């Protein structure tokens, strides 16, 4: 359990940084709104369950 939680946290942090960069790049287009919403959903899922973190990571990668 502890290991999974740690891995989840690390992935979440890395994803957050990547999202920030992408958001800045898509500032010109309407992607900003989409990226922002995705960030909120990812955060909610991460807090909801550790298992959701893995699923969210795969979804975000796509």
PDB file of N, CA and C in Angstrom:
ATOM      1  N   UNK A   1       0.841  -1.195   0.000  1.00  0.00           N
ATOM      2  CA  UNK A   1       0.000   0.000   0.000  1.00  0.00           C
ATOM      3  C   UNK A   1       0.884   1.256   0.000  1.00  0.00           C
ATOM      4  N   UNK A   2       1.840   1.299   0.896  1.00  0.00           N
ATOM      5  CA  UNK A   2       2.725   2.453   0.992  1.00  0.00           C
ATOM      6  C   UNK A   2       3.449   2.728  -0.317  1.00  0.00           C
ATOM      7  N   UNK A   3       3.951   1.666  -0.931  1.00  0.00           N
ATOM      8  CA  UNK A   3       4.681   1.829  -2.191  1.00  0.00           C
ATOM      9  C   UNK A   3       3.763   2.405  -3.270  1.00  0.00           C
ATOM     10  N   UNK A   4       2.562   1.885  -3.352  1.00  0.00           N
ATOM     11  CA  UNK A   4       1.622   2.357  -4.365  1.00  0.00           C
ATOM     12  C   UNK A   4       1.313   3.837  -4.168  1.00  0.00           C
ATOM     13  N   UNK A   5       1.114   4.210  -2.929  1.00  0.00           N
ATOM     14  CA  UNK A   5       0.790   5.607  -2.632  1.00  0.00           C
ATOM     15  C   UNK A   5       1.948   6.520  -3.051  1.00  0.00           C
ATOM     16  N   UNK A   6       3.161   6.087  -2.761  1.00  0.00           N
ATOM     17  CA  UNK A   6       4.334   6.893  -3.095  1.00  0.00           C
ATOM     18  C   UNK A   6       4.431   7.067  -4.618  1.00  0.00           C
ATOM     19  N   UNK A   7       4.287   5.968  -5.325  1.00  0.00           N
ATOM     20  CA  UNK A   7       4.376   5.996  -6.789  1.00  0.00           C
ATOM     21  C   UNK A   7       3.289   6.917  -7.348  1.00  0.00           C
ATOM     22  N   UNK A   8       2.116   6.815  -6.803  1.00  0.00           N
ATOM     23  CA  UNK A   8       0.992   7.622  -7.263  1.00  0.00           C
ATOM     24  C   UNK A   8       1.320   9.108  -7.083  1.00  0.00           C
ATOM     25  N   UNK A   9       1.845   9.443  -5.950  1.00  0.00           N
ATOM     26  CA  UNK A   9       2.156  10.838  -5.649  1.00  0.00           C
ATOM     27  C   UNK A   9       3.207  11.375  -6.636  1.00  0.00           C
ATOM     28  N   UNK A  10       4.234  10.575  -6.870  1.00  0.00           N
ATOM     29  CA  UNK A  10       5.303  10.990  -7.785  1.00  0.00           C
ATOM     30  C   UNK A  10       4.732  11.242  -9.187  1.00  0.00           C
ATOM     31  N   UNK A  11       3.919  10.306  -9.657  1.00  0.00           N
ATOM     32  CA  UNK A  11       3.323  10.432 -10.988  1.00  0.00           C
ATOM     33  C   UNK A  11       2.448  11.680 -11.050  1.00  0.00           C
ATOM     34  N   UNK A  12       1.689  11.901 -10.008  1.00  0.00           N
ATOM     35  CA  UNK A  12       0.782  13.054  -9.980  1.00  0.00           C
ATOM     36  C   UNK A  12       1.580  14.353 -10.122  1.00  0.00           C
ATOM     37  N   UNK A  13       2.691  14.433  -9.405  1.00  0.00           N
ATOM     38  CA  UNK A  13       3.518  15.642  -9.447  1.00  0.00           C
ATOM     39  C   UNK A  13       4.070  15.864 -10.862  1.00  0.00           C
ATOM     40  N   UNK A  14       4.583  14.811 -11.448  1.00  0.00           N
ATOM     41  CA  UNK A  14       5.153  14.909 -12.793  1.00  0.00           C
ATOM     42  C   UNK A  14       4.071  15.319 -13.797  1.00  0.00           C
ATOM     43  N   UNK A  15       2.894  14.731 -13.647  1.00  0.00           N
ATOM     44  CA  UNK A  15       1.798  15.045 -14.564  1.00  0.00           C
ATOM     45  C   UNK A  15       1.421  16.524 -14.419  1.00  0.00           C
ATOM     46  N   UNK A  16       1.407  17.011 -13.196  1.00  0.00           N
ATOM     47  CA  UNK A  16       1.043  18.399 -12.959  1.00  0.00           C
ATOM     48  C   UNK A  16       1.971  19.343 -13.713  1.00  0.00           C
ATOM     49  N   UNK A  17       3.276  19.071 -13.643  1.00  0.00           N
ATOM     50  CA  UNK A  17       4.266  19.917 -14.307  1.00  0.00           C
ATOM     51  C   UNK A  17       4.034  19.889 -15.820  1.00  0.00           C
ATOM     52  N   UNK A  18       3.823  18.687 -16.351  1.00  0.00           N
ATOM     53  CA  UNK A  18       3.604  18.540 -17.797  1.00  0.00           C
ATOM     54  C   UNK A  18       2.348  19.302 -18.214  1.00  0.00           C
ATOM     55  N   UNK A  19       1.300  19.193 -17.415  1.00  0.00           N
ATOM     56  CA  UNK A  19       0.046  19.879 -17.737  1.00  0.00           C
ATOM     57  C   UNK A  19       0.259  21.391 -17.795  1.00  0.00           C
ATOM     58  N   UNK A  20       1.058  21.896 -16.877  1.00  0.00           N
ATOM     59  CA  UNK A  20       1.313  23.339 -16.838  1.00  0.00           C
ATOM     60  C   UNK A  20       1.984  23.799 -18.137  1.00  0.00           C
ATOM     61  N   UNK A  21       2.979  23.038 -18.589  1.00  0.00           N
ATOM     62  CA  UNK A  21       3.703  23.389 -19.821  1.00  0.00           C
ATOM     63  C   UNK A  21       2.765  23.355 -21.020  1.00  0.00           C
ATOM     64  N   UNK A  22       1.963  22.293 -21.102  1.00  0.00           N
ATOM     65  CA  UNK A  22       1.033  22.142 -22.230  1.00  0.00           C
ATOM     66  C   UNK A  22       0.012  23.286 -22.210  1.00  0.00           C
ATOM     67  N   UNK A  23      -0.454  23.627 -21.031  1.00  0.00           N
ATOM     68  CA  UNK A  23      -1.447  24.699 -20.923  1.00  0.00           C
ATOM     69  C   UNK A  23      -0.872  26.001 -21.473  1.00  0.00           C
ATOM     70  N   UNK A  24       0.372  26.282 -21.159  1.00  0.00           N
ATOM     71  CA  UNK A  24       1.008  27.513 -21.626  1.00  0.00           C
ATOM     72  C   UNK A  24       1.122  27.506 -23.157  1.00  0.00           C
ATOM     73  N   UNK A  25       1.443  26.346 -23.699  1.00  0.00           N
ATOM     74  CA  UNK A  25       1.604  26.218 -25.150  1.00  0.00           C
ATOM     75  C   UNK A  25       0.260  26.408 -25.855  1.00  0.00           C
ATOM     76  N   UNK A  26      -0.816  25.929 -25.224  1.00  0.00           N
ATOM     77  CA  UNK A  26      -2.148  26.003 -25.832  1.00  0.00           C
ATOM     78  C   UNK A  26      -2.911  27.232 -25.328  1.00  0.00           C
ATOM     79  N   UNK A  27      -2.175  28.218 -24.856  1.00  0.00           N
ATOM     80  CA  UNK A  27      -2.827  29.427 -24.353  1.00  0.00           C
ATOM     81  C   UNK A  27      -3.543  30.152 -25.489  1.00  0.00           C
ATOM     82  N   UNK A  28      -2.927  30.134 -26.673  1.00  0.00           N
ATOM     83  CA  UNK A  28      -3.524  30.813 -27.824  1.00  0.00           C
ATOM     84  C   UNK A  28      -4.837  30.152 -28.237  1.00  0.00           C
ATOM     85  N   UNK A  29      -4.817  28.828 -28.269  1.00  0.00           N
ATOM     86  CA  UNK A  29      -6.028  28.092 -28.686  1.00  0.00           C
ATOM     87  C   UNK A  29      -6.986  27.914 -27.508  1.00  0.00           C
ATOM     88  N   UNK A  30      -8.142  27.294 -27.755  1.00  0.00           N
ATOM     89  CA  UNK A  30      -9.130  27.042 -26.699  1.00  0.00           C
ATOM     90  C   UNK A  30      -8.728  25.855 -25.837  1.00  0.00           C
ATOM     91  N   UNK A  31      -7.580  25.259 -26.109  1.00  0.00           N
ATOM     92  CA  UNK A  31      -7.112  24.114 -25.332  1.00  0.00           C
ATOM     93  C   UNK A  31      -6.914  24.456 -23.867  1.00  0.00           C
ATOM     94  N   UNK A  32      -6.705  25.714 -23.556  1.00  0.00           N
ATOM     95  CA  UNK A  32      -6.483  26.114 -22.165  1.00  0.00           C
ATOM     96  C   UNK A  32      -7.643  25.651 -21.285  1.00  0.00           C
ATOM     97  N   UNK A  33      -8.860  25.890 -21.731  1.00  0.00           N
ATOM     98  CA  UNK A  33     -10.033  25.493 -20.945  1.00  0.00           C
ATOM     99  C   UNK A  33     -10.074  23.984 -20.764  1.00  0.00           C
ATOM    100  N   UNK A  34      -9.794  23.256 -21.825  1.00  0.00           N
ATOM    101  CA  UNK A  34      -9.831  21.790 -21.765  1.00  0.00           C
ATOM    102  C   UNK A  34      -8.755  21.286 -20.797  1.00  0.00           C
ATOM    103  N   UNK A  35      -7.550  21.824 -20.918  1.00  0.00           N
ATOM    104  CA  UNK A  35      -6.449  21.397 -20.064  1.00  0.00           C
ATOM    105  C   UNK A  35      -6.778  21.702 -18.606  1.00  0.00           C
ATOM    106  N   UNK A  36      -7.304  22.874 -18.359  1.00  0.00           N
ATOM    107  CA  UNK A  36      -7.628  23.276 -16.990  1.00  0.00           C
ATOM    108  C   UNK A  36      -8.649  22.319 -16.378  1.00  0.00           C
ATOM    109  N   UNK A  37      -9.681  22.008 -17.128  1.00  0.00           N
ATOM    110  CA  UNK A  37     -10.715  21.097 -16.634  1.00  0.00           C
ATOM    111  C   UNK A  37     -10.107  19.722 -16.357  1.00  0.00           C
ATOM    112  N   UNK A  38      -9.242  19.268 -17.258  1.00  0.00           N
ATOM    113  CA  UNK A  38      -8.623  17.953 -17.095  1.00  0.00           C
ATOM    114  C   UNK A  38      -7.825  17.918 -15.803  1.00  0.00           C
ATOM    115  N   UNK A  39      -7.139  18.991 -15.490  1.00  0.00           N
ATOM    116  CA  UNK A  39      -6.330  19.044 -14.279  1.00  0.00           C
ATOM    117  C   UNK A  39      -7.219  18.852 -13.044  1.00  0.00           C
ATOM    118  N   UNK A  40      -8.326  19.515 -13.032  1.00  0.00           N
ATOM    119  CA  UNK A  40      -9.240  19.415 -11.891  1.00  0.00           C
ATOM    120  C   UNK A  40      -9.738  17.976 -11.752  1.00  0.00           C
ATOM    121  N   UNK A  41     -10.135  17.378 -12.860  1.00  0.00           N
ATOM    122  CA  UNK A  41     -10.660  16.002 -12.837  1.00  0.00           C
ATOM    123  C   UNK A  41      -9.577  15.056 -12.328  1.00  0.00           C
ATOM    124  N   UNK A  42      -8.357  15.225 -12.835  1.00  0.00           N
ATOM    125  CA  UNK A  42      -7.261  14.352 -12.442  1.00  0.00           C
ATOM    126  C   UNK A  42      -7.021  14.470 -10.932  1.00  0.00           C
ATOM    127  N   UNK A  43      -7.059  15.683 -10.443  1.00  0.00           N
ATOM    128  CA  UNK A  43      -6.842  15.923  -9.014  1.00  0.00           C
ATOM    129  C   UNK A  43      -7.925  15.213  -8.203  1.00  0.00           C
ATOM    130  N   UNK A  44      -9.162  15.357  -8.619  1.00  0.00           N
ATOM    131  CA  UNK A  44     -10.276  14.742  -7.912  1.00  0.00           C
ATOM    132  C   UNK A  44     -10.119  13.221  -7.898  1.00  0.00           C
ATOM    133  N   UNK A  45      -9.766  12.666  -9.048  1.00  0.00           N
ATOM    134  CA  UNK A  45      -9.629  11.216  -9.148  1.00  0.00           C
ATOM    135  C   UNK A  45      -8.487  10.734  -8.262  1.00  0.00           C
ATOM    136  N   UNK A  46      -7.405  11.489  -8.250  1.00  0.00           N
ATOM    137  CA  UNK A  46      -6.249  11.111  -7.453  1.00  0.00           C
ATOM    138  C   UNK A  46      -6.623  11.038  -5.970  1.00  0.00           C
ATOM    139  N   UNK A  47      -7.383  12.003  -5.512  1.00  0.00           N
ATOM    140  CA  UNK A  47      -7.801  12.022  -4.106  1.00  0.00           C
ATOM    141  C   UNK A  47      -8.850  10.946  -3.852  1.00  0.00           C
ATOM    142  N   UNK A  48      -9.648  10.651  -4.878  1.00  0.00           N
ATOM    143  CA  UNK A  48     -10.737   9.677  -4.734  1.00  0.00           C
ATOM    144  C   UNK A  48     -10.183   8.298  -4.386  1.00  0.00           C
ATOM    145  N   UNK A  49      -9.206   7.821  -5.159  1.00  0.00           N
ATOM    146  CA  UNK A  49      -8.675   6.483  -4.924  1.00  0.00           C
ATOM    147  C   UNK A  49      -7.270   6.343  -5.510  1.00  0.00           C
ATOM    148  N   UNK A  50      -6.441   5.513  -4.896  1.00  0.00           N
ATOM    149  CA  UNK A  50      -5.083   5.284  -5.409  1.00  0.00           C
ATOM    150  C   UNK A  50      -5.141   4.594  -6.767  1.00  0.00           C
ATOM    151  N   UNK A  51      -6.107   3.704  -6.939  1.00  0.00           N
ATOM    152  CA  UNK A  51      -6.254   2.984  -8.199  1.00  0.00           C
ATOM    153  C   UNK A  51      -6.579   3.940  -9.335  1.00  0.00           C
ATOM    154  N   UNK A  52      -7.351   4.959  -9.041  1.00  0.00           N
ATOM    155  CA  UNK A  52      -7.741   5.941 -10.056  1.00  0.00           C
ATOM    156  C   UNK A  52      -6.499   6.650 -10.599  1.00  0.00           C
ATOM    157  N   UNK A  53      -5.491   6.811  -9.782  1.00  0.00           N
ATOM    158  CA  UNK A  53      -4.281   7.505 -10.203  1.00  0.00           C
ATOM    159  C   UNK A  53      -3.671   6.813 -11.412  1.00  0.00           C
ATOM    160  N   UNK A  54      -3.566   5.509 -11.352  1.00  0.00           N
ATOM    161  CA  UNK A  54      -2.977   4.751 -12.465  1.00  0.00           C
ATOM    162  C   UNK A  54      -3.820   4.924 -13.719  1.00  0.00           C
ATOM    163  N   UNK A  55      -5.119   4.828 -13.572  1.00  0.00           N
ATOM    164  CA  UNK A  55      -6.014   4.968 -14.717  1.00  0.00           C
ATOM    165  C   UNK A  55      -5.916   6.378 -15.287  1.00  0.00           C
ATOM    166  N   UNK A  56      -5.883   7.372 -14.423  1.00  0.00           N
ATOM    167  CA  UNK A  56      -5.797   8.761 -14.858  1.00  0.00           C
ATOM    168  C   UNK A  56      -4.493   9.004 -15.606  1.00  0.00           C
ATOM    169  N   UNK A  57      -3.412   8.412 -15.118  1.00  0.00           N
ATOM    170  CA  UNK A  57      -2.111   8.595 -15.752  1.00  0.00           C
ATOM    171  C   UNK A  57      -2.163   8.110 -17.194  1.00  0.00           C
ATOM    172  N   UNK A  58      -2.750   6.953 -17.404  1.00  0.00           N
ATOM    173  CA  UNK A  58      -2.843   6.403 -18.755  1.00  0.00           C
ATOM    174  C   UNK A  58      -3.713   7.301 -19.631  1.00  0.00           C
ATOM    175  N   UNK A  59      -4.800   7.781 -19.069  1.00  0.00           N
ATOM    176  CA  UNK A  59      -5.715   8.638 -19.823  1.00  0.00           C
ATOM    177  C   UNK A  59      -5.024   9.952 -20.185  1.00  0.00           C
ATOM    178  N   UNK A  60      -4.293  10.525 -19.260  1.00  0.00           N
ATOM    179  CA  UNK A  60      -3.605  11.795 -19.481  1.00  0.00           C
ATOM    180  C   UNK A  60      -2.553  11.635 -20.584  1.00  0.00           C
ATOM    181  N   UNK A  61      -1.870  10.507 -20.575  1.00  0.00           N
ATOM    182  CA  UNK A  61      -0.822  10.254 -21.562  1.00  0.00           C
ATOM    183  C   UNK A  61      -1.414  10.306 -22.980  1.00  0.00           C
ATOM    184  N   UNK A  62      -2.596   9.776 -23.124  1.00  0.00           N
ATOM    185  CA  UNK A  62      -3.252   9.769 -24.444  1.00  0.00           C
ATOM    186  C   UNK A  62      -3.527  11.195 -24.858  1.00  0.00           C
TER     187      UNK A  62
END
